[in-house]
Full PDB file with SEQRES, HELIX, SHEET, SSBOND, CRYST1, ORIGX, SCALE, CONECT and MASTER records, all heavy atoms in Angstrom:
SEQRES   1 A   30  GLY HIS VAL HIS ILE ALA ARG ASN GLU SER VAL SER VAL          
SEQRES   2 A   30  ASP LEU GLU LEU TRP ALA LEU TYR LEU ASP VAL PRO PRO          
SEQRES   3 A   30  ALA GLY ALA PHE                                              
CRYST1    1.000    1.000    1.000  90.00  90.00  90.00 P 1           1          
ORIGX1      1.000000  0.000000  0.000000        0.00000                         
ORIGX2      0.000000  1.000000  0.000000        0.00000                         
ORIGX3      0.000000  0.000000  1.000000        0.00000                         
SCALE1      1.000000  0.000000  0.000000        0.00000                         
SCALE2      0.000000  1.000000  0.000000        0.00000                         
SCALE3      0.000000  0.000000  1.000000        0.00000                         
ATOM      1  N   GLY A   1     105.122  98.810 102.278  1.00  0.00           N  
ATOM      2  CA  GLY A   1     105.904  97.710 102.826  1.00  0.00           C  
ATOM      3  C   GLY A   1     105.178  96.845 103.832  1.00  0.00           C  
ATOM      4  O   GLY A   1     105.723  95.861 104.307  1.00  0.00           O  
ATOM      5  N   HIS A   2     103.931  97.169 104.175  1.00  0.00           N  
ATOM      6  CA  HIS A   2     103.147  96.375 105.133  1.00  0.00           C  
ATOM      7  C   HIS A   2     102.769  95.044 104.488  1.00  0.00           C  
ATOM      8  O   HIS A   2     101.932  94.990 103.591  1.00  0.00           O  
ATOM      9  CB  HIS A   2     101.898  97.157 105.555  1.00  0.00           C  
ATOM     10  CG  HIS A   2     100.952  96.346 106.359  1.00  0.00           C  
ATOM     11  ND1 HIS A   2      99.706  95.978 105.897  1.00  0.00           N  
ATOM     12  CD2 HIS A   2     101.077  95.808 107.590  1.00  0.00           C  
ATOM     13  CE1 HIS A   2      99.102  95.259 106.813  1.00  0.00           C  
ATOM     14  NE2 HIS A   2      99.905  95.142 107.850  1.00  0.00           N  
ATOM     15  N   VAL A   3     103.369  93.938 104.945  1.00  0.00           N  
ATOM     16  CA  VAL A   3     103.142  92.615 104.361  1.00  0.00           C  
ATOM     17  C   VAL A   3     101.892  91.993 104.983  1.00  0.00           C  
ATOM     18  O   VAL A   3     101.700  92.038 106.201  1.00  0.00           O  
ATOM     19  CB  VAL A   3     104.376  91.708 104.568  1.00  0.00           C  
ATOM     20  CG1 VAL A   3     104.100  90.294 104.099  1.00  0.00           C  
ATOM     21  CG2 VAL A   3     105.584  92.288 103.833  1.00  0.00           C  
ATOM     22  N   HIS A   4     101.053  91.401 104.130  1.00  0.00           N  
ATOM     23  CA  HIS A   4      99.803  90.800 104.582  1.00  0.00           C  
ATOM     24  C   HIS A   4      99.316  89.775 103.564  1.00  0.00           C  
ATOM     25  O   HIS A   4      99.883  89.652 102.478  1.00  0.00           O  
ATOM     26  CB  HIS A   4      98.735  91.885 104.777  1.00  0.00           C  
ATOM     27  CG  HIS A   4      98.511  92.691 103.539  1.00  0.00           C  
ATOM     28  ND1 HIS A   4      99.336  93.737 103.164  1.00  0.00           N  
ATOM     29  CD2 HIS A   4      97.587  92.579 102.556  1.00  0.00           C  
ATOM     30  CE1 HIS A   4      98.910  94.242 102.017  1.00  0.00           C  
ATOM     31  NE2 HIS A   4      97.849  93.553 101.627  1.00  0.00           N  
ATOM     32  N   ILE A   5      98.267  89.065 103.941  1.00  0.00           N  
ATOM     33  CA  ILE A   5      97.623  88.105 103.050  1.00  0.00           C  
ATOM     34  C   ILE A   5      96.117  88.207 103.270  1.00  0.00           C  
ATOM     35  O   ILE A   5      95.665  88.437 104.397  1.00  0.00           O  
ATOM     36  CB  ILE A   5      98.124  86.660 103.303  1.00  0.00           C  
ATOM     37  CG1 ILE A   5      97.634  85.689 102.231  1.00  0.00           C  
ATOM     38  CG2 ILE A   5      97.747  86.178 104.706  1.00  0.00           C  
ATOM     39  CD1 ILE A   5      98.296  84.303 102.302  1.00  0.00           C  
ATOM     40  N   ALA A   6      95.343  88.062 102.198  1.00  0.00           N  
ATOM     41  CA  ALA A   6      93.888  88.027 102.279  1.00  0.00           C  
ATOM     42  C   ALA A   6      93.446  86.639 101.836  1.00  0.00           C  
ATOM     43  O   ALA A   6      93.916  86.119 100.829  1.00  0.00           O  
ATOM     44  CB  ALA A   6      93.267  89.097 101.383  1.00  0.00           C  
ATOM     45  N   ARG A   7      92.526  86.056 102.612  1.00  0.00           N  
ATOM     46  CA  ARG A   7      92.069  84.701 102.317  1.00  0.00           C  
ATOM     47  C   ARG A   7      90.545  84.657 102.273  1.00  0.00           C  
ATOM     48  O   ARG A   7      89.878  85.380 102.998  1.00  0.00           O  
ATOM     49  CB  ARG A   7      92.582  83.732 103.386  1.00  0.00           C  
ATOM     50  CG  ARG A   7      94.098  83.643 103.400  1.00  0.00           C  
ATOM     51  CD  ARG A   7      94.650  82.929 104.629  1.00  0.00           C  
ATOM     52  NE  ARG A   7      94.044  81.671 104.936  1.00  0.00           N  
ATOM     53  CZ  ARG A   7      94.614  80.472 104.761  1.00  0.00           C  
ATOM     54  NH1 ARG A   7      95.836  80.403 104.271  1.00  0.00           N  
ATOM     55  NH2 ARG A   7      93.985  79.378 105.093  1.00  0.00           N  
ATOM     56  N   ASN A   8      90.027  83.792 101.422  1.00  0.00           N  
ATOM     57  CA  ASN A   8      88.599  83.496 101.402  1.00  0.00           C  
ATOM     58  C   ASN A   8      88.444  82.153 102.098  1.00  0.00           C  
ATOM     59  O   ASN A   8      88.622  81.108 101.482  1.00  0.00           O  
ATOM     60  CB  ASN A   8      88.055  83.442  99.982  1.00  0.00           C  
ATOM     61  CG  ASN A   8      86.559  83.145  99.955  1.00  0.00           C  
ATOM     62  OD1 ASN A   8      85.937  82.945 100.986  1.00  0.00           O  
ATOM     63  ND2 ASN A   8      85.992  83.114  98.763  1.00  0.00           N  
ATOM     64  N   GLU A   9      88.116  82.186 103.373  1.00  0.00           N  
ATOM     65  CA  GLU A   9      88.024  80.954 104.155  1.00  0.00           C  
ATOM     66  C   GLU A   9      86.634  80.332 104.111  1.00  0.00           C  
ATOM     67  O   GLU A   9      86.370  79.353 104.800  1.00  0.00           O  
ATOM     68  CB  GLU A   9      88.505  81.230 105.582  1.00  0.00           C  
ATOM     69  CG  GLU A   9      89.980  81.618 105.587  1.00  0.00           C  
ATOM     70  CD  GLU A   9      90.575  81.893 106.950  1.00  0.00           C  
ATOM     71  OE1 GLU A   9      89.817  82.016 107.945  1.00  0.00           O  
ATOM     72  OE2 GLU A   9      91.816  81.991 107.021  1.00  0.00           O  
ATOM     73  N   SER A  10      85.768  80.870 103.256  1.00  0.00           N  
ATOM     74  CA  SER A  10      84.441  80.291 103.047  1.00  0.00           C  
ATOM     75  C   SER A  10      84.589  78.959 102.300  1.00  0.00           C  
ATOM     76  O   SER A  10      85.565  78.744 101.580  1.00  0.00           O  
ATOM     77  CB  SER A  10      83.588  81.256 102.219  1.00  0.00           C  
ATOM     78  OG  SER A  10      82.422  80.610 101.755  1.00  0.00           O  
ATOM     79  N   VAL A  11      83.588  78.105 102.457  1.00  0.00           N  
ATOM     80  CA  VAL A  11      83.592  76.855 101.699  1.00  0.00           C  
ATOM     81  C   VAL A  11      82.639  76.894 100.508  1.00  0.00           C  
ATOM     82  O   VAL A  11      82.612  75.972  99.711  1.00  0.00           O  
ATOM     83  CB  VAL A  11      83.239  75.644 102.611  1.00  0.00           C  
ATOM     84  CG1 VAL A  11      84.322  75.421 103.654  1.00  0.00           C  
ATOM     85  CG2 VAL A  11      81.883  75.828 103.254  1.00  0.00           C  
ATOM     86  N   SER A  12      81.860  78.001 100.395  1.00  0.00           N  
ATOM     87  CA  SER A  12      80.870  78.006  99.322  1.00  0.00           C  
ATOM     88  C   SER A  12      80.628  79.346  98.626  1.00  0.00           C  
ATOM     89  O   SER A  12      79.927  79.393  97.625  1.00  0.00           O  
ATOM     90  CB  SER A  12      79.516  77.510  99.873  1.00  0.00           C  
ATOM     91  OG  SER A  12      79.073  78.369 100.908  1.00  0.00           O  
ATOM     92  N   VAL A  13      81.207  80.450  99.122  1.00  0.00           N  
ATOM     93  CA  VAL A  13      80.894  81.772  98.574  1.00  0.00           C  
ATOM     94  C   VAL A  13      82.162  82.450  98.053  1.00  0.00           C  
ATOM     95  O   VAL A  13      83.173  82.513  98.765  1.00  0.00           O  
ATOM     96  CB  VAL A  13      80.228  82.663  99.658  1.00  0.00           C  
ATOM     97  CG1 VAL A  13      79.942  84.054  99.123  1.00  0.00           C  
ATOM     98  CG2 VAL A  13      78.960  82.016 100.178  1.00  0.00           C  
ATOM     99  N   ASP A  14      82.095  82.948  96.821  1.00  0.00           N  
ATOM    100  CA  ASP A  14      83.216  83.724  96.283  1.00  0.00           C  
ATOM    101  C   ASP A  14      83.380  85.017  97.069  1.00  0.00           C  
ATOM    102  O   ASP A  14      82.396  85.609  97.535  1.00  0.00           O  
ATOM    103  CB  ASP A  14      82.977  84.087  94.813  1.00  0.00           C  
ATOM    104  CG  ASP A  14      83.151  82.914  93.869  1.00  0.00           C  
ATOM    105  OD1 ASP A  14      83.680  81.866  94.285  1.00  0.00           O  
ATOM    106  OD2 ASP A  14      82.731  83.051  92.695  1.00  0.00           O  
ATOM    107  N   LEU A  15      84.615  85.462  97.211  1.00  0.00           N  
ATOM    108  CA  LEU A  15      84.939  86.763  97.797  1.00  0.00           C  
ATOM    109  C   LEU A  15      85.174  87.725  96.646  1.00  0.00           C  
ATOM    110  O   LEU A  15      85.958  87.434  95.738  1.00  0.00           O  
ATOM    111  CB  LEU A  15      86.200  86.657  98.656  1.00  0.00           C  
ATOM    112  CG  LEU A  15      86.903  87.962  99.031  1.00  0.00           C  
ATOM    113  CD1 LEU A  15      86.008  88.833  99.900  1.00  0.00           C  
ATOM    114  CD2 LEU A  15      88.213  87.670  99.732  1.00  0.00           C  
ATOM    115  N   GLU A  16      84.480  88.861  96.655  1.00  0.00           N  
ATOM    116  CA  GLU A  16      84.720  89.898  95.662  1.00  0.00           C  
ATOM    117  C   GLU A  16      85.096  91.171  96.398  1.00  0.00           C  
ATOM    118  O   GLU A  16      84.372  91.629  97.279  1.00  0.00           O  
ATOM    119  CB  GLU A  16      83.488  90.154  94.795  1.00  0.00           C  
ATOM    120  CG  GLU A  16      83.748  91.231  93.751  1.00  0.00           C  
ATOM    121  CD  GLU A  16      82.555  91.511  92.847  1.00  0.00           C  
ATOM    122  OE1 GLU A  16      81.562  90.763  92.892  1.00  0.00           O  
ATOM    123  OE2 GLU A  16      82.629  92.508  92.099  1.00  0.00           O  
ATOM    124  N   LEU A  17      86.244  91.710  96.045  1.00  0.00           N  
ATOM    125  CA  LEU A  17      86.669  92.973  96.637  1.00  0.00           C  
ATOM    126  C   LEU A  17      87.128  93.911  95.545  1.00  0.00           C  
ATOM    127  O   LEU A  17      87.512  93.495  94.459  1.00  0.00           O  
ATOM    128  CB  LEU A  17      87.762  92.750  97.684  1.00  0.00           C  
ATOM    129  CG  LEU A  17      89.078  92.128  97.213  1.00  0.00           C  
ATOM    130  CD1 LEU A  17      90.127  93.201  97.010  1.00  0.00           C  
ATOM    131  CD2 LEU A  17      89.556  91.137  98.253  1.00  0.00           C  
ATOM    132  N   TRP A  18      87.023  95.190  95.850  1.00  0.00           N  
ATOM    133  CA  TRP A  18      87.488  96.241  94.951  1.00  0.00           C  
ATOM    134  C   TRP A  18      88.565  96.999  95.699  1.00  0.00           C  
ATOM    135  O   TRP A  18      88.409  97.301  96.889  1.00  0.00           O  
ATOM    136  CB  TRP A  18      86.337  97.169  94.565  1.00  0.00           C  
ATOM    137  CG  TRP A  18      85.347  96.528  93.646  1.00  0.00           C  
ATOM    138  CD1 TRP A  18      84.658  95.368  93.859  1.00  0.00           C  
ATOM    139  CD2 TRP A  18      84.930  97.006  92.380  1.00  0.00           C  
ATOM    140  NE1 TRP A  18      83.834  95.100  92.796  1.00  0.00           N  
ATOM    141  CE2 TRP A  18      83.981  96.094  91.874  1.00  0.00           C  
ATOM    142  CE3 TRP A  18      85.256  98.113  91.626  1.00  0.00           C  
ATOM    143  CZ2 TRP A  18      83.368  96.253  90.649  1.00  0.00           C  
ATOM    144  CZ3 TRP A  18      84.635  98.284  90.396  1.00  0.00           C  
ATOM    145  CH2 TRP A  18      83.709  97.364  89.915  1.00  0.00           C  
ATOM    146  N   ALA A  19      89.667  97.266  95.027  1.00  0.00           N  
ATOM    147  CA  ALA A  19      90.802  97.936  95.665  1.00  0.00           C  
ATOM    148  C   ALA A  19      91.159  99.203  94.901  1.00  0.00           C  
ATOM    149  O   ALA A  19      91.222  99.196  93.669  1.00  0.00           O  
ATOM    150  CB  ALA A  19      92.005  97.003  95.719  1.00  0.00           C  
ATOM    151  N   LEU A  20      91.367 100.271  95.654  1.00  0.00           N  
ATOM    152  CA  LEU A  20      91.877 101.525  95.096  1.00  0.00           C  
ATOM    153  C   LEU A  20      93.276 101.706  95.643  1.00  0.00           C  
ATOM    154  O   LEU A  20      93.467 101.954  96.836  1.00  0.00           O  
ATOM    155  CB  LEU A  20      91.003 102.717  95.485  1.00  0.00           C  
ATOM    156  CG  LEU A  20      91.575 104.108  95.172  1.00  0.00           C  
ATOM    157  CD1 LEU A  20      91.866 104.281  93.679  1.00  0.00           C  
ATOM    158  CD2 LEU A  20      90.646 105.196  95.669  1.00  0.00           C  
ATOM    159  N   TYR A  21      94.266 101.503  94.795  1.00  0.00           N  
ATOM    160  CA  TYR A  21      95.672 101.630  95.174  1.00  0.00           C  
ATOM    161  C   TYR A  21      96.086 103.084  94.973  1.00  0.00           C  
ATOM    162  O   TYR A  21      95.998 103.603  93.863  1.00  0.00           O  
ATOM    163  CB  TYR A  21      96.551 100.728  94.301  1.00  0.00           C  
ATOM    164  CG  TYR A  21      96.128  99.276  94.310  1.00  0.00           C  
ATOM    165  CD1 TYR A  21      95.248  98.784  93.350  1.00  0.00           C  
ATOM    166  CD2 TYR A  21      96.608  98.395  95.279  1.00  0.00           C  
ATOM    167  CE1 TYR A  21      94.859  97.453  93.346  1.00  0.00           C  
ATOM    168  CE2 TYR A  21      96.225  97.060  95.282  1.00  0.00           C  
ATOM    169  CZ  TYR A  21      95.350  96.599  94.310  1.00  0.00           C  
ATOM    170  OH  TYR A  21      94.968  95.284  94.310  1.00  0.00           O  
ATOM    171  N   LEU A  22      96.549 103.714  96.027  1.00  0.00           N  
ATOM    172  CA  LEU A  22      96.992 105.108  95.960  1.00  0.00           C  
ATOM    173  C   LEU A  22      98.512 105.163  95.850  1.00  0.00           C  
ATOM    174  O   LEU A  22      99.219 104.331  96.422  1.00  0.00           O  
ATOM    175  CB  LEU A  22      96.557 105.863  97.218  1.00  0.00           C  
ATOM    176  CG  LEU A  22      95.055 105.906  97.494  1.00  0.00           C  
ATOM    177  CD1 LEU A  22      94.799 106.507  98.862  1.00  0.00           C  
ATOM    178  CD2 LEU A  22      94.348 106.699  96.416  1.00  0.00           C  
ATOM    179  N   ASP A  23      98.989 106.155  95.138  1.00  0.00           N  
ATOM    180  CA  ASP A  23     100.421 106.433  95.052  1.00  0.00           C  
ATOM    181  C   ASP A  23     101.225 105.280  94.453  1.00  0.00           C  
ATOM    182  O   ASP A  23     102.202 104.812  95.015  1.00  0.00           O  
ATOM    183  CB  ASP A  23     100.982 106.835  96.419  1.00  0.00           C  
ATOM    184  CG  ASP A  23     102.312 107.567  96.282  1.00  0.00           C  
ATOM    185  OD1 ASP A  23     102.511 108.255  95.262  1.00  0.00           O  
ATOM    186  OD2 ASP A  23     103.142 107.447  97.194  1.00  0.00           O  
ATOM    187  N   VAL A  24     100.792 104.835  93.288  1.00  0.00           N  
ATOM    188  CA  VAL A  24     101.487 103.783  92.545  1.00  0.00           C  
ATOM    189  C   VAL A  24     102.513 104.449  91.625  1.00  0.00           C  
ATOM    190  O   VAL A  24     102.219 105.488  91.027  1.00  0.00           O  
ATOM    191  CB  VAL A  24     100.473 102.974  91.710  1.00  0.00           C  
ATOM    192  CG1 VAL A  24     101.154 101.970  90.821  1.00  0.00           C  
ATOM    193  CG2 VAL A  24      99.460 102.310  92.634  1.00  0.00           C  
ATOM    194  N   PRO A  25     103.712 103.886  91.489  1.00  0.00           N  
ATOM    195  CA  PRO A  25     104.670 104.461  90.532  1.00  0.00           C  
ATOM    196  C   PRO A  25     104.070 104.480  89.120  1.00  0.00           C  
ATOM    197  O   PRO A  25     103.372 103.531  88.746  1.00  0.00           O  
ATOM    198  CB  PRO A  25     105.864 103.507  90.591  1.00  0.00           C  
ATOM    199  CG  PRO A  25     105.733 102.799  91.895  1.00  0.00           C  
ATOM    200  CD  PRO A  25     104.258 102.725  92.188  1.00  0.00           C  
ATOM    201  N   PRO A  26     104.307 105.516  88.342  1.00  0.00           N  
ATOM    202  CA  PRO A  26     103.755 105.590  86.985  1.00  0.00           C  
ATOM    203  C   PRO A  26     104.067 104.323  86.181  1.00  0.00           C  
ATOM    204  O   PRO A  26     105.223 103.918  86.077  1.00  0.00           O  
ATOM    205  CB  PRO A  26     104.442 106.813  86.383  1.00  0.00           C  
ATOM    206  CG  PRO A  26     104.766 107.662  87.575  1.00  0.00           C  
ATOM    207  CD  PRO A  26     105.110 106.682  88.676  1.00  0.00           C  
ATOM    208  N   ALA A  27     103.015 103.677  85.702  1.00  0.00           N  
ATOM    209  CA  ALA A  27     103.098 102.429  84.937  1.00  0.00           C  
ATOM    210  C   ALA A  27     103.762 101.310  85.729  1.00  0.00           C  
ATOM    211  O   ALA A  27     104.167 100.303  85.161  1.00  0.00           O  
ATOM    212  CB  ALA A  27     103.811 102.644  83.610  1.00  0.00           C  
ATOM    213  N   GLY A  28     103.861 101.457  87.053  1.00  0.00           N  
ATOM    214  CA  GLY A  28     104.548 100.476  87.887  1.00  0.00           C  
ATOM    215  C   GLY A  28     103.608  99.514  88.579  1.00  0.00           C  
ATOM    216  O   GLY A  28     102.385  99.595  88.466  1.00  0.00           O  
ATOM    217  N   ALA A  29     104.209  98.600  89.315  1.00  0.00           N  
ATOM    218  CA  ALA A  29     103.463  97.569  90.033  1.00  0.00           C  
ATOM    219  C   ALA A  29     102.722  98.164  91.227  1.00  0.00           C  
ATOM    220  O   ALA A  29     103.237  99.048  91.901  1.00  0.00           O  
ATOM    221  CB  ALA A  29     104.424  96.490  90.518  1.00  0.00           C  
ATOM    222  N   PHE A  30     101.514  97.661  91.464  1.00  0.00           N  
ATOM    223  CA  PHE A  30     100.754  98.081  92.639  1.00  0.00           C  
ATOM    224  C   PHE A  30     100.678  96.953  93.661  1.00  0.00           C  
ATOM    225  O   PHE A  30     100.086  97.098  94.717  1.00  0.00           O  
ATOM    226  CB  PHE A  30      99.348  98.562  92.262  1.00  0.00           C  
ATOM    227  CG  PHE A  30      98.607  97.646  91.322  1.00  0.00           C  
ATOM    228  CD1 PHE A  30      97.862  96.592  91.809  1.00  0.00           C  
ATOM    229  CD2 PHE A  30      98.665  97.855  89.961  1.00  0.00           C  
ATOM    230  CE1 PHE A  30      97.183  95.753  90.944  1.00  0.00           C  
ATOM    231  CE2 PHE A  30      97.982  97.031  89.087  1.00  0.00           C  
ATOM    232  CZ  PHE A  30      97.238  95.968  89.581  1.00  0.00           C  
TER     233      PHE A  30                                                      
MASTER        0    0    0    0    0    0    0    6  232    1    0    3          
END                                                                             
């Protein structure tokens, strides 16, 4: 339930991130 936003505030470089979501409902939204 922790609400947040991630932004790429760069003007020239792509942001690449990898996320490991723990405890997702089976076949559910992460």
